[in-house]
PDB file of N, CA and C in Angstrom:
ATOM      1  N   MET A   1      20.573  18.103   2.094  1.00  0.00           N
ATOM      2  CA  MET A   1      20.071  17.260   1.203  1.00  0.00           C
ATOM      3  C   MET A   1      18.426  17.736   1.269  1.00  0.00           C
ATOM      4  N   ASN A   2      17.790  17.705   0.135  1.00  0.00           N
ATOM      5  CA  ASN A   2      16.543  18.133   0.105  1.00  0.00           C
ATOM      6  C   ASN A   2      15.550  17.023   0.578  1.00  0.00           C
ATOM      7  N   PRO A   3      14.690  17.184   1.519  1.00  0.00           N
ATOM      8  CA  PRO A   3      13.856  16.228   2.010  1.00  0.00           C
ATOM      9  C   PRO A   3      12.998  15.640   0.869  1.00  0.00           C
ATOM     10  N   LEU A   4      12.585  16.266  -0.155  1.00  0.00           N
ATOM     11  CA  LEU A   4      11.809  15.706  -1.028  1.00  0.00           C
ATOM     12  C   LEU A   4      12.593  14.493  -1.954  1.00  0.00           C
ATOM     13  N   GLU A   5      13.861  14.952  -2.115  1.00  0.00           N
ATOM     14  CA  GLU A   5      14.772  13.919  -2.860  1.00  0.00           C
ATOM     15  C   GLU A   5      14.877  12.802  -2.020  1.00  0.00           C
ATOM     16  N   ASN A   6      15.229  12.915  -0.720  1.00  0.00           N
ATOM     17  CA  ASN A   6      15.348  11.858  -0.089  1.00  0.00           C
ATOM     18  C   ASN A   6      14.052  10.961  -0.026  1.00  0.00           C
ATOM     19  N   LYS A   7      12.893  11.504   0.142  1.00  0.00           N
ATOM     20  CA  LYS A   7      11.608  10.850   0.058  1.00  0.00           C
ATOM     21  C   LYS A   7      11.337   9.754  -1.085  1.00  0.00           C
ATOM     22  N   LYS A   8      11.948  10.559  -2.262  1.00  0.00           N
ATOM     23  CA  LYS A   8      11.803   9.736  -3.452  1.00  0.00           C
ATOM     24  C   LYS A   8      12.722   8.532  -3.490  1.00  0.00           C
ATOM     25  N   THR A   9      13.916   8.601  -3.040  1.00  0.00           N
ATOM     26  CA  THR A   9      14.916   7.771  -3.238  1.00  0.00           C
ATOM     27  C   THR A   9      14.629   6.514  -2.215  1.00  0.00           C
ATOM     28  N   GLU A  10      13.738   6.821  -0.925  1.00  0.00           N
ATOM     29  CA  GLU A  10      13.488   5.714  -0.078  1.00  0.00           C
ATOM     30  C   GLU A  10      12.395   4.914  -0.648  1.00  0.00           C
ATOM     31  N   PRO A  11      12.527   3.588  -1.040  1.00  0.00           N
ATOM     32  CA  PRO A  11      11.393   2.685  -1.484  1.00  0.00           C
ATOM     33  C   PRO A  11      10.445   2.544  -0.185  1.00  0.00           C
ATOM     34  N   PHE A  12       9.057   2.280  -0.546  1.00  0.00           N
ATOM     35  CA  PHE A  12       8.193   2.039   0.541  1.00  0.00           C
ATOM     36  C   PHE A  12       8.274   0.518   0.769  1.00  0.00           C
ATOM     37  N   LYS A  13       8.206   0.272   1.973  1.00  0.00           N
ATOM     38  CA  LYS A  13       8.182  -1.061   2.612  1.00  0.00           C
ATOM     39  C   LYS A  13       7.021  -1.595   3.082  1.00  0.00           C
ATOM     40  N   ILE A  14       6.499  -2.761   2.839  1.00  0.00           N
ATOM     41  CA  ILE A  14       5.348  -3.279   3.634  1.00  0.00           C
ATOM     42  C   ILE A  14       5.850  -4.091   5.029  1.00  0.00           C
ATOM     43  N   GLY A  15       5.278  -3.712   5.990  1.00  0.00           N
ATOM     44  CA  GLY A  15       5.580  -4.278   7.299  1.00  0.00           C
ATOM     45  C   GLY A  15       4.343  -4.728   7.868  1.00  0.00           C
ATOM     46  N   GLY A  16       4.809  -5.541   9.043  1.00  0.00           N
ATOM     47  CA  GLY A  16       3.589  -6.295   9.783  1.00  0.00           C
ATOM     48  C   GLY A  16       3.067  -7.451   8.951  1.00  0.00           C
ATOM     49  N   ASN A  17       1.894  -7.683   9.242  1.00  0.00           N
ATOM     50  CA  ASN A  17       0.855  -8.780   8.895  1.00  0.00           C
ATOM     51  C   ASN A  17       0.193  -8.381   7.615  1.00  0.00           C
ATOM     52  N   TRP A  18       0.771  -8.780   6.384  1.00  0.00           N
ATOM     53  CA  TRP A  18       0.176  -8.184   5.281  1.00  0.00           C
ATOM     54  C   TRP A  18      -1.369  -8.563   5.018  1.00  0.00           C
ATOM     55  N   THR A  19      -1.556 -10.087   5.287  1.00  0.00           N
ATOM     56  CA  THR A  19      -2.799 -10.732   5.369  1.00  0.00           C
ATOM     57  C   THR A  19      -3.956  -9.844   6.111  1.00  0.00           C
ATOM     58  N   ALA A  20      -3.521  -9.569   7.326  1.00  0.00           N
ATOM     59  CA  ALA A  20      -4.655  -8.784   8.160  1.00  0.00           C
ATOM     60  C   ALA A  20      -4.673  -7.245   7.398  1.00  0.00           C
ATOM     61  N   GLN A  21      -3.664  -7.044   7.019  1.00  0.00           N
ATOM     62  CA  GLN A  21      -3.632  -5.359   6.352  1.00  0.00           C
ATOM     63  C   GLN A  21      -4.551  -5.431   5.100  1.00  0.00           C
ATOM     64  N   SER A  22      -4.554  -6.632   4.351  1.00  0.00           N
ATOM     65  CA  SER A  22      -5.135  -6.680   2.987  1.00  0.00           C
ATOM     66  C   SER A  22      -6.627  -6.882   3.297  1.00  0.00           C
ATOM     67  N   LYS A  23      -6.844  -7.615   4.396  1.00  0.00           N
ATOM     68  CA  LYS A  23      -8.413  -7.803   4.905  1.00  0.00           C
ATOM     69  C   LYS A  23      -8.839  -6.490   5.356  1.00  0.00           C
ATOM     70  N   GLN A  24      -8.052  -5.718   5.993  1.00  0.00           N
ATOM     71  CA  GLN A  24      -8.709  -4.382   6.483  1.00  0.00           C
ATOM     72  C   GLN A  24      -9.032  -3.568   5.172  1.00  0.00           C
ATOM     73  N   LEU A  25      -8.055  -3.575   4.284  1.00  0.00           N
ATOM     74  CA  LEU A  25      -8.159  -2.758   3.104  1.00  0.00           C
ATOM     75  C   LEU A  25      -9.450  -3.118   2.170  1.00  0.00           C
ATOM     76  N   GLN A  26      -9.753  -4.465   2.189  1.00  0.00           N
ATOM     77  CA  GLN A  26     -10.896  -4.951   1.563  1.00  0.00           C
ATOM     78  C   GLN A  26     -12.126  -4.508   2.127  1.00  0.00           C
ATOM     79  N   LYS A  27     -12.020  -4.479   3.494  1.00  0.00           N
ATOM     80  CA  LYS A  27     -13.362  -3.738   4.279  1.00  0.00           C
ATOM     81  C   LYS A  27     -13.570  -2.332   3.930  1.00  0.00           C
ATOM     82  N   GLN A  28     -12.328  -1.587   3.829  1.00  0.00           N
ATOM     83  CA  GLN A  28     -12.534  -0.223   3.319  1.00  0.00           C
ATOM     84  C   GLN A  28     -12.912  -0.115   1.888  1.00  0.00           C
ATOM     85  N   PHE A  29     -12.487  -0.959   1.181  1.00  0.00           N
ATOM     86  CA  PHE A  29     -12.434  -0.636  -0.373  1.00  0.00           C
ATOM     87  C   PHE A  29     -13.150  -2.056  -0.873  1.00  0.00           C
ATOM     88  N   PRO A  30     -14.120  -2.471  -0.778  1.00  0.00           N
ATOM     89  CA  PRO A  30     -14.636  -3.714  -1.253  1.00  0.00           C
ATOM     90  C   PRO A  30     -14.483  -4.020  -2.653  1.00  0.00           C
ATOM     91  N   GLU A  31     -14.015  -3.283  -3.616  1.00  0.00           N
ATOM     92  CA  GLU A  31     -13.935  -3.368  -4.925  1.00  0.00           C
ATOM     93  C   GLU A  31     -12.517  -3.897  -5.149  1.00  0.00           C
ATOM     94  N   LEU A  32     -11.666  -3.857  -4.050  1.00  0.00           N
ATOM     95  CA  LEU A  32     -10.196  -4.730  -3.989  1.00  0.00           C
ATOM     96  C   LEU A  32     -10.537  -6.075  -4.275  1.00  0.00           C
ATOM     97  N   THR A  33      -9.821  -6.874  -4.921  1.00  0.00           N
ATOM     98  CA  THR A  33     -10.032  -8.207  -5.198  1.00  0.00           C
ATOM     99  C   THR A  33      -8.460  -8.955  -4.510  1.00  0.00           C
ATOM    100  N   ASP A  34      -8.509 -10.024  -4.256  1.00  0.00           N
ATOM    101  CA  ASP A  34      -7.430 -10.790  -3.736  1.00  0.00           C
ATOM    102  C   ASP A  34      -6.109 -10.581  -4.631  1.00  0.00           C
ATOM    103  N   ALA A  35      -6.362 -10.646  -6.044  1.00  0.00           N
ATOM    104  CA  ALA A  35      -5.476 -10.266  -7.020  1.00  0.00           C
ATOM    105  C   ALA A  35      -4.896  -9.054  -6.887  1.00  0.00           C
ATOM    106  N   ASP A  36      -5.636  -7.936  -6.608  1.00  0.00           N
ATOM    107  CA  ASP A  36      -5.257  -6.565  -6.518  1.00  0.00           C
ATOM    108  C   ASP A  36      -4.245  -6.425  -5.356  1.00  0.00           C
ATOM    109  N   LEU A  37      -4.477  -7.209  -4.352  1.00  0.00           N
ATOM    110  CA  LEU A  37      -3.522  -7.013  -2.880  1.00  0.00           C
ATOM    111  C   LEU A  37      -2.647  -8.135  -2.926  1.00  0.00           C
ATOM    112  N   LYS A  38      -2.524  -9.014  -4.023  1.00  0.00           N
ATOM    113  CA  LYS A  38      -1.240  -9.802  -3.816  1.00  0.00           C
ATOM    114  C   LYS A  38      -0.035  -9.128  -3.833  1.00  0.00           C
ATOM    115  N   TYR A  39       0.680  -9.719  -2.806  1.00  0.00           N
ATOM    116  CA  TYR A  39       2.065  -8.998  -2.348  1.00  0.00           C
ATOM    117  C   TYR A  39       3.084 -10.000  -2.146  1.00  0.00           C
ATOM    118  N   GLU A  40       4.295  -9.890  -2.731  1.00  0.00           N
ATOM    119  CA  GLU A  40       5.408 -10.635  -2.784  1.00  0.00           C
ATOM    120  C   GLU A  40       6.584  -9.906  -2.185  1.00  0.00           C
ATOM    121  N   SER A  41       7.291 -10.074  -1.471  1.00  0.00           N
ATOM    122  CA  SER A  41       8.541  -9.423  -0.877  1.00  0.00           C
ATOM    123  C   SER A  41       9.383  -8.741  -1.803  1.00  0.00           C
ATOM    124  N   GLY A  42       9.645  -7.638  -1.553  1.00  0.00           N
ATOM    125  CA  GLY A  42      10.426  -6.746  -2.665  1.00  0.00           C
ATOM    126  C   GLY A  42       9.609  -6.162  -4.135  1.00  0.00           C
ATOM    127  N   GLN A  43       8.167  -6.485  -3.823  1.00  0.00           N
ATOM    128  CA  GLN A  43       7.537  -5.973  -4.836  1.00  0.00           C
ATOM    129  C   GLN A  43       6.424  -5.159  -4.712  1.00  0.00           C
ATOM    130  N   GLU A  44       6.779  -4.100  -3.713  1.00  0.00           N
ATOM    131  CA  GLU A  44       5.775  -3.200  -3.222  1.00  0.00           C
ATOM    132  C   GLU A  44       5.457  -2.080  -4.399  1.00  0.00           C
ATOM    133  N   ASN A  45       6.374  -1.958  -5.171  1.00  0.00           N
ATOM    134  CA  ASN A  45       5.870  -0.930  -6.329  1.00  0.00           C
ATOM    135  C   ASN A  45       4.831  -1.602  -7.127  1.00  0.00           C
ATOM    136  N   ASP A  46       4.874  -2.936  -7.499  1.00  0.00           N
ATOM    137  CA  ASP A  46       3.937  -3.458  -8.359  1.00  0.00           C
ATOM    138  C   ASP A  46       2.537  -3.364  -7.477  1.00  0.00           C
ATOM    139  N   LEU A  47       2.343  -3.678  -6.250  1.00  0.00           N
ATOM    140  CA  LEU A  47       1.245  -3.590  -5.521  1.00  0.00           C
ATOM    141  C   LEU A  47       0.823  -2.173  -5.253  1.00  0.00           C
ATOM    142  N   LEU A  48       1.636  -1.073  -5.200  1.00  0.00           N
ATOM    143  CA  LEU A  48       1.400   0.217  -5.120  1.00  0.00           C
ATOM    144  C   LEU A  48       0.670   0.708  -6.359  1.00  0.00           C
ATOM    145  N   LYS A  49       1.300   0.188  -7.645  1.00  0.00           N
ATOM    146  CA  LYS A  49       0.628   0.523  -8.847  1.00  0.00           C
ATOM    147  C   LYS A  49      -0.652   0.043  -9.067  1.00  0.00           C
ATOM    148  N   ARG A  50      -1.028  -1.259  -8.770  1.00  0.00           N
ATOM    149  CA  ARG A  50      -2.361  -1.966  -8.822  1.00  0.00           C
ATOM    150  C   ARG A  50      -3.422  -1.229  -8.178  1.00  0.00           C
ATOM    151  N   LEU A  51      -3.096  -0.848  -6.708  1.00  0.00           N
ATOM    152  CA  LEU A  51      -3.833   0.033  -5.986  1.00  0.00           C
ATOM    153  C   LEU A  51      -4.137   1.445  -6.635  1.00  0.00           C
ATOM    154  N   GLU A  52      -3.171   2.009  -7.126  1.00  0.00           N
ATOM    155  CA  GLU A  52      -3.234   3.387  -7.759  1.00  0.00           C
ATOM    156  C   GLU A  52      -4.416   3.276  -8.788  1.00  0.00           C
ATOM    157  N   THR A  53      -4.429   2.195  -9.708  1.00  0.00           N
ATOM    158  CA  THR A  53      -5.192   2.146 -10.880  1.00  0.00           C
ATOM    159  C   THR A  53      -6.558   1.862 -10.263  1.00  0.00           C
ATOM    160  N   LYS A  54      -6.548   0.772  -9.447  1.00  0.00           N
ATOM    161  CA  LYS A  54      -7.909   0.256  -9.049  1.00  0.00           C
ATOM    162  C   LYS A  54      -8.670   1.496  -8.128  1.00  0.00           C
ATOM    163  N   LEU A  55      -7.954   1.977  -7.371  1.00  0.00           N
ATOM    164  CA  LEU A  55      -8.735   3.177  -6.654  1.00  0.00           C
ATOM    165  C   LEU A  55      -8.723   4.564  -7.186  1.00  0.00           C
ATOM    166  N   SER A  56      -7.975   4.663  -8.209  1.00  0.00           N
ATOM    167  CA  SER A  56      -7.843   6.122  -8.886  1.00  0.00           C
ATOM    168  C   SER A  56      -7.305   7.297  -7.922  1.00  0.00           C
ATOM    169  N   LYS A  57      -6.352   6.764  -7.412  1.00  0.00           N
ATOM    170  CA  LYS A  57      -5.527   7.615  -6.529  1.00  0.00           C
ATOM    171  C   LYS A  57      -4.099   7.533  -6.583  1.00  0.00           C
ATOM    172  N   LYS A  58      -3.369   8.779  -6.015  1.00  0.00           N
ATOM    173  CA  LYS A  58      -1.977   8.976  -6.302  1.00  0.00           C
ATOM    174  C   LYS A  58      -1.141   8.104  -5.414  1.00  0.00           C
ATOM    175  N   ARG A  59       0.056   7.721  -5.676  1.00  0.00           N
ATOM    176  CA  ARG A  59       0.969   6.721  -5.019  1.00  0.00           C
ATOM    177  C   ARG A  59       0.899   7.259  -3.402  1.00  0.00           C
ATOM    178  N   ASP A  60       1.016   8.750  -3.347  1.00  0.00           N
ATOM    179  CA  ASP A  60       1.230   9.163  -1.787  1.00  0.00           C
ATOM    180  C   ASP A  60       0.021   8.910  -0.974  1.00  0.00           C
ATOM    181  N   GLU A  61      -1.296   8.790  -1.560  1.00  0.00           N
ATOM    182  CA  GLU A  61      -2.368   8.580  -0.956  1.00  0.00           C
ATOM    183  C   GLU A  61      -2.732   7.010  -0.522  1.00  0.00           C
ATOM    184  N   ILE A  62      -2.115   6.237  -1.689  1.00  0.00           N
ATOM    185  CA  ILE A  62      -2.240   4.813  -1.545  1.00  0.00           C
ATOM    186  C   ILE A  62      -1.149   4.366  -0.375  1.00  0.00           C
ATOM    187  N   ILE A  63      -0.092   4.912  -0.225  1.00  0.00           N
ATOM    188  CA  ILE A  63       0.811   4.657   0.810  1.00  0.00           C
ATOM    189  C   ILE A  63       0.203   5.105   2.373  1.00  0.00           C
ATOM    190  N   ASN A  64      -0.526   6.306   2.262  1.00  0.00           N
ATOM    191  CA  ASN A  64      -1.139   6.826   3.466  1.00  0.00           C
ATOM    192  C   ASN A  64      -2.223   5.774   3.871  1.00  0.00           C
ATOM    193  N   ILE A  65      -3.033   5.263   2.886  1.00  0.00           N
ATOM    194  CA  ILE A  65      -4.092   4.176   3.056  1.00  0.00           C
ATOM    195  C   ILE A  65      -3.528   2.959   3.491  1.00  0.00           C
ATOM    196  N   VAL A  66      -2.346   2.411   3.197  1.00  0.00           N
ATOM    197  CA  VAL A  66      -1.835   1.204   3.429  1.00  0.00           C
ATOM    198  C   VAL A  66      -1.322   1.298   4.850  1.00  0.00           C
ATOM    199  N   LYS A  67      -0.656   2.569   5.162  1.00  0.00           N
ATOM    200  CA  LYS A  67      -0.034   2.658   6.606  1.00  0.00           C
ATOM    201  C   LYS A  67      -1.168   2.758   7.522  1.00  0.00           C
ATOM    202  N   LYS A  68      -2.401   3.319   7.273  1.00  0.00           N
ATOM    203  CA  LYS A  68      -3.470   3.324   8.270  1.00  0.00           C
ATOM    204  C   LYS A  68      -3.987   2.026   8.505  1.00  0.00           C
ATOM    205  N   ALA A  69      -4.058   1.247   7.351  1.00  0.00           N
ATOM    206  CA  ALA A  69      -4.482  -0.384   7.703  1.00  0.00           C
ATOM    207  C   ALA A  69      -3.566  -0.975   8.491  1.00  0.00           C
ATOM    208  N   LYS A  70      -2.106  -0.523   8.293  1.00  0.00           N
ATOM    209  CA  LYS A  70      -1.319  -1.301   9.126  1.00  0.00           C
ATOM    210  C   LYS A  70      -1.499  -1.063  10.608  1.00  0.00           C
ATOM    211  N   ALA A  71      -1.893   0.409  10.748  1.00  0.00           N
ATOM    212  CA  ALA A  71      -1.872   0.897  12.268  1.00  0.00           C
ATOM    213  C   ALA A  71      -3.287   0.300  12.904  1.00  0.00           C
ATOM    214  N   GLU A  72      -4.424   0.048  12.086  1.00  0.00           N
ATOM    215  CA  GLU A  72      -5.583  -0.554  12.381  1.00  0.00           C
ATOM    216  C   GLU A  72      -5.496  -1.944  12.826  1.00  0.00           C
ATOM    217  N   THR A  73      -4.572  -2.838  12.213  1.00  0.00           N
ATOM    218  CA  THR A  73      -4.205  -4.106  12.672  1.00  0.00           C
ATOM    219  C   THR A  73      -3.406  -4.369  13.772  1.00  0.00           C
ATOM    220  N   VAL A  74      -2.766  -3.366  14.145  1.00  0.00           N
ATOM    221  CA  VAL A  74      -1.669  -3.727  15.288  1.00  0.00           C
ATOM    222  C   VAL A  74      -2.647  -3.979  16.669  1.00  0.00           C
TER     223      VAL A  74
END
Protein backbone atom coordinates (compact mmCIF):
# COMPACT_ATOMS: atom_id res chain seq x y z
CA MET A 1 0.00 0.00 0.00
CA ASN A 2 1.19 3.48 -0.88
CA PRO A 3 2.05 5.44 2.32
CA LEU A 4 0.43 8.57 0.91
CA GLU A 5 -2.86 6.74 0.36
CA ASN A 6 -2.76 5.47 3.93
CA LYS A 7 -2.10 8.99 5.22
CA LYS A 8 -5.22 10.33 3.51
CA THR A 9 -7.45 7.57 4.88
CA GLU A 10 -6.35 8.11 8.48
CA PRO A 11 -8.35 10.98 9.96
CA PHE A 12 -6.51 13.41 12.21
CA LYS A 13 -7.46 13.07 15.88
CA ILE A 14 -7.07 15.63 18.64
CA GLY A 15 -5.56 14.12 21.75
CA GLY A 16 -4.64 15.39 25.17
CA ASN A 17 -5.94 18.52 26.85
CA TRP A 18 -7.48 20.63 24.08
CA THR A 19 -8.05 23.60 26.42
CA ALA A 20 -4.32 23.85 27.14
CA GLN A 21 -3.47 23.28 23.48
CA SER A 22 -5.87 25.97 22.30
CA LYS A 23 -4.37 28.47 24.77
CA GLN A 24 -0.91 27.61 23.42
CA LEU A 25 -2.18 28.19 19.87
CA GLN A 26 -3.66 31.56 20.89
CA LYS A 27 -0.27 32.61 22.29
CA GLN A 28 1.40 31.65 19.03
CA PHE A 29 -1.38 33.08 16.82
CA PRO A 30 -3.15 35.95 18.65
CA GLU A 31 -5.57 36.35 15.73
CA LEU A 32 -7.25 33.06 16.69
CA THR A 33 -10.47 33.47 18.65
CA ASP A 34 -12.21 31.04 20.98
CA ALA A 35 -14.72 30.44 18.17
CA ASP A 36 -11.89 29.53 15.77
CA LEU A 37 -10.58 27.02 18.29
CA LYS A 38 -13.92 25.52 19.31
CA TYR A 39 -13.58 21.74 19.19
CA GLU A 40 -16.09 18.96 19.63
CA SER A 41 -15.09 15.31 19.62
CA GLY A 42 -15.27 13.87 16.13
CA GLN A 43 -15.24 17.33 14.51
CA GLU A 44 -11.51 17.56 13.84
CA ASN A 45 -12.02 18.36 10.15
CA ASP A 46 -14.21 21.36 10.98
CA LEU A 47 -11.55 22.68 13.34
CA LEU A 48 -8.78 22.13 10.81
CA LYS A 49 -10.75 23.90 8.07
CA ARG A 50 -11.36 26.93 10.31
CA LEU A 51 -7.66 27.11 11.20
CA GLU A 52 -6.61 26.68 7.54
CA THR A 53 -8.82 29.61 6.57
CA LYS A 54 -7.88 31.87 9.48
CA LEU A 55 -4.13 31.25 9.25
CA SER A 56 -3.97 30.89 5.44
CA LYS A 57 -2.07 27.62 5.73
CA LYS A 58 -2.45 24.16 4.23
CA ARG A 59 -3.93 21.23 6.15
CA ASP A 60 -0.54 19.55 6.70
CA GLU A 61 0.89 22.77 8.13
CA ILE A 62 -2.08 23.14 10.49
CA ILE A 63 -1.72 19.53 11.67
CA ASN A 64 1.96 20.14 12.42
CA ILE A 65 1.13 23.34 14.32
CA VAL A 66 -1.50 21.52 16.41
CA LYS A 67 0.87 18.61 17.11
CA LYS A 68 3.57 21.06 18.20
CA ALA A 69 1.11 22.81 20.54
CA LYS A 70 0.22 19.42 22.05
CA ALA A 71 3.90 18.59 22.61
CA GLU A 72 4.44 21.97 24.31
CA THR A 73 1.55 21.40 26.76
CA VAL A 74 2.71 17.97 27.94
